[in-house]
């Protein structure tokens, strides 16, 4: 065995000893959570999620704060959609649960009419926010702008 092979074996032995030493110091809960399982949650959390799913239990998400923002819109091929209002996902049937209805614009996919309960509805573009008390709009760009490059023409001349 030459010197390089001996050095490589020493490194492997060192790393193996280090792994064994560290794994022996892990608490039992950490070793249990190392087994990732379904959705990367603990067994108790997975059981709680399963109960919620089978009994159709959903947490109420009332719109809080003075600012209302449209953070994103996803249209699925099935025709259903999801909108993100104040960083909370909402499907088209969630208005009773959340108290906020969102009507998507068929002509402009990045726009929605959001009506929080009895408040005045606001027509927002994705990324836009409105102060519910004053009606003041904010693009949240801080005076900046977003530029989209125009792709070169694909038609040969």
Protein backbone atom coordinates (compact mmCIF):
# COMPACT_ATOMS: atom_id res chain seq x y z
CA UNK A 1 0.00 0.00 0.00
CA UNK A 2 1.48 3.35 -0.98
CA UNK A 3 1.21 6.64 0.91
CA UNK A 4 -1.78 8.02 -1.09
CA UNK A 5 -3.91 4.92 -0.50
CA UNK A 6 -3.11 5.06 3.21
CA UNK A 7 -4.09 8.73 3.40
CA UNK A 8 -7.38 8.06 1.59
CA UNK A 9 -8.18 5.17 3.97
CA UNK A 10 -7.41 7.43 6.93
CA UNK A 11 -9.88 10.03 5.64
CA UNK A 12 -12.58 7.42 5.14
CA UNK A 13 -11.99 6.02 8.63
CA UNK A 14 -12.12 9.54 10.11
CA UNK A 15 -15.40 10.41 8.36
CA UNK A 16 -16.93 7.08 9.38
CA UNK A 17 -15.89 7.60 13.01
CA UNK A 18 -17.32 11.13 12.92
CA UNK A 19 -20.67 9.92 11.56
CA UNK A 20 -20.89 7.23 14.23
CA UNK A 21 -20.01 9.70 16.98
CA UNK A 22 -22.56 12.28 15.85
CA UNK A 23 -25.36 9.75 15.34
CA UNK A 24 -24.84 8.48 18.88
CA UNK A 25 -25.42 11.97 20.30
CA UNK A 26 -28.76 12.57 18.55
CA UNK A 27 -31.80 12.55 20.84
CA UNK A 28 -34.45 9.92 20.17
CA UNK A 29 -36.84 12.49 18.66
CA UNK A 30 -34.24 13.68 16.17
CA UNK A 31 -33.54 10.14 15.03
CA UNK A 32 -37.30 9.62 14.65
CA UNK A 33 -37.73 12.82 12.63
CA UNK A 34 -34.79 11.78 10.46
CA UNK A 35 -37.17 9.17 9.08
CA UNK A 36 -38.93 11.75 6.91
CA UNK A 37 -42.15 9.92 6.19
CA UNK A 38 -45.19 11.45 4.52
CA UNK A 39 -44.97 15.19 3.96
CA UNK A 40 -41.88 15.48 6.18
CA UNK A 41 -44.01 15.79 9.34
CA UNK A 42 -43.93 13.94 12.64
CA UNK A 43 -46.36 11.03 13.07
CA UNK A 44 -48.57 13.17 15.34
CA UNK A 45 -48.76 15.99 12.80
CA UNK A 46 -49.50 13.53 9.96
CA UNK A 47 -52.34 12.04 12.03
CA UNK A 48 -53.75 15.51 12.71
CA UNK A 49 -53.61 16.39 9.00
CA UNK A 50 -55.28 13.10 8.10
CA UNK A 51 -58.12 13.80 10.57
CA UNK A 52 -58.62 17.27 9.11
CA UNK A 53 -58.72 15.85 5.60
CA UNK A 54 -61.20 13.07 6.36
CA UNK A 55 -63.53 15.29 8.39
CA UNK A 56 -63.18 18.28 6.03
CA UNK A 57 -61.97 20.50 8.86
CA UNK A 58 -60.46 23.75 7.64
CA UNK A 59 -59.11 26.62 9.63
CA UNK A 60 -60.86 29.95 9.14
CA UNK A 61 -58.68 32.57 7.52
CA UNK A 62 -60.35 35.94 7.97
CA UNK A 63 -58.72 38.81 6.13
CA UNK A 64 -56.66 40.68 8.69
CA UNK A 65 -54.96 44.04 8.60
CA UNK A 66 -55.67 47.22 6.69
CA UNK A 67 -53.86 46.15 3.52
CA UNK A 68 -55.27 43.68 1.02
CA UNK A 69 -52.92 42.31 -1.64
CA UNK A 70 -53.24 39.98 -4.61
CA UNK A 71 -50.04 37.95 -4.46
CA UNK A 72 -50.64 35.41 -7.22
CA UNK A 73 -53.05 33.54 -9.47
CA UNK A 74 -52.81 29.98 -10.80
CA UNK A 75 -55.14 28.62 -13.48
CA UNK A 76 -55.17 24.82 -13.69
CA UNK A 77 -55.98 22.85 -16.84
CA UNK A 78 -59.11 21.56 -15.08
CA UNK A 79 -60.49 25.11 -15.14
CA UNK A 80 -60.18 25.57 -11.39
CA UNK A 81 -58.03 28.33 -10.02
CA UNK A 82 -56.21 29.38 -6.87
CA UNK A 83 -55.53 32.96 -5.81
CA UNK A 84 -53.19 34.19 -3.08
CA UNK A 85 -54.66 37.01 -1.04
CA UNK A 86 -52.42 38.45 1.68
CA UNK A 87 -50.12 35.42 1.22
CA UNK A 88 -52.93 32.91 1.84
CA UNK A 89 -54.05 30.52 -0.88
CA UNK A 90 -57.75 30.50 -1.65
CA UNK A 91 -59.76 28.38 -4.09
CA UNK A 92 -62.91 29.59 -5.82
CA UNK A 93 -65.17 27.89 -3.23
CA UNK A 94 -63.41 29.31 -0.16
CA UNK A 95 -65.38 32.58 0.09
CA UNK A 96 -67.67 31.25 2.85
CA UNK A 97 -64.71 30.03 4.87
CA UNK A 98 -62.52 33.10 4.45
CA UNK A 99 -65.10 35.85 4.05
CA UNK A 100 -63.29 37.08 0.93
CA UNK A 101 -64.52 36.43 -2.60
CA UNK A 102 -62.22 36.63 -5.59
CA UNK A 103 -63.61 36.88 -9.12
CA UNK A 104 -60.92 36.37 -11.74
CA UNK A 105 -60.92 38.39 -14.93
CA UNK A 106 -61.33 36.14 -17.99
CA UNK A 107 -59.76 38.78 -20.25
CA UNK A 108 -56.78 39.60 -18.03
CA UNK A 109 -55.44 36.51 -16.23
CA UNK A 110 -53.34 38.59 -13.84
CA UNK A 111 -56.28 40.55 -12.43
CA UNK A 112 -59.03 39.78 -9.90
CA UNK A 113 -61.93 41.56 -8.24
CA UNK A 114 -61.50 40.95 -4.51
CA UNK A 115 -64.40 41.61 -2.14
CA UNK A 116 -63.62 41.24 1.59
CA UNK A 117 -67.01 40.71 3.22
CA UNK A 118 -68.99 43.95 3.35
CA UNK A 119 -66.05 46.15 2.26
CA UNK A 120 -65.89 47.78 -1.16
CA UNK A 121 -64.50 45.35 -3.77
CA UNK A 122 -61.08 46.16 -5.21
CA UNK A 123 -59.93 45.35 -8.74
CA UNK A 124 -56.27 44.35 -8.28
CA UNK A 125 -53.47 43.15 -10.53
CA UNK A 126 -51.07 40.49 -9.25
CA UNK A 127 -48.50 42.23 -7.05
CA UNK A 128 -50.77 45.15 -6.25
CA UNK A 129 -52.05 46.05 -2.78
CA UNK A 130 -54.75 48.42 -1.57
CA UNK A 131 -55.27 50.07 1.80
CA UNK A 132 -58.77 48.99 2.81
CA UNK A 133 -59.39 52.13 4.87
CA UNK A 134 -58.20 54.80 2.41
CA UNK A 135 -58.42 52.98 -0.94
CA UNK A 136 -54.82 53.98 -1.72
CA UNK A 137 -53.12 51.58 -4.16
CA UNK A 138 -49.53 50.40 -3.98
CA UNK A 139 -47.64 48.35 -6.56
CA UNK A 140 -45.04 47.47 -3.90
CA UNK A 141 -42.22 48.32 -6.31
CA UNK A 142 -41.03 51.23 -4.20
CA UNK A 143 -40.92 53.65 -7.14
CA UNK A 144 -39.21 51.12 -9.38
CA UNK A 145 -40.52 49.34 -12.42
CA UNK A 146 -40.57 45.88 -13.92
CA UNK A 147 -39.40 45.60 -17.52
CA UNK A 148 -40.02 42.54 -19.65
CA UNK A 149 -37.72 42.00 -22.61
CA UNK A 150 -39.45 41.68 -25.96
CA UNK A 151 -38.40 38.44 -27.66
CA UNK A 152 -36.84 38.84 -31.11
CA UNK A 153 -39.13 38.26 -34.06
CA UNK A 154 -39.26 34.65 -35.20
CA UNK A 155 -40.38 35.50 -38.71
CA UNK A 156 -37.52 35.29 -41.24
CA UNK A 157 -37.20 38.30 -43.50
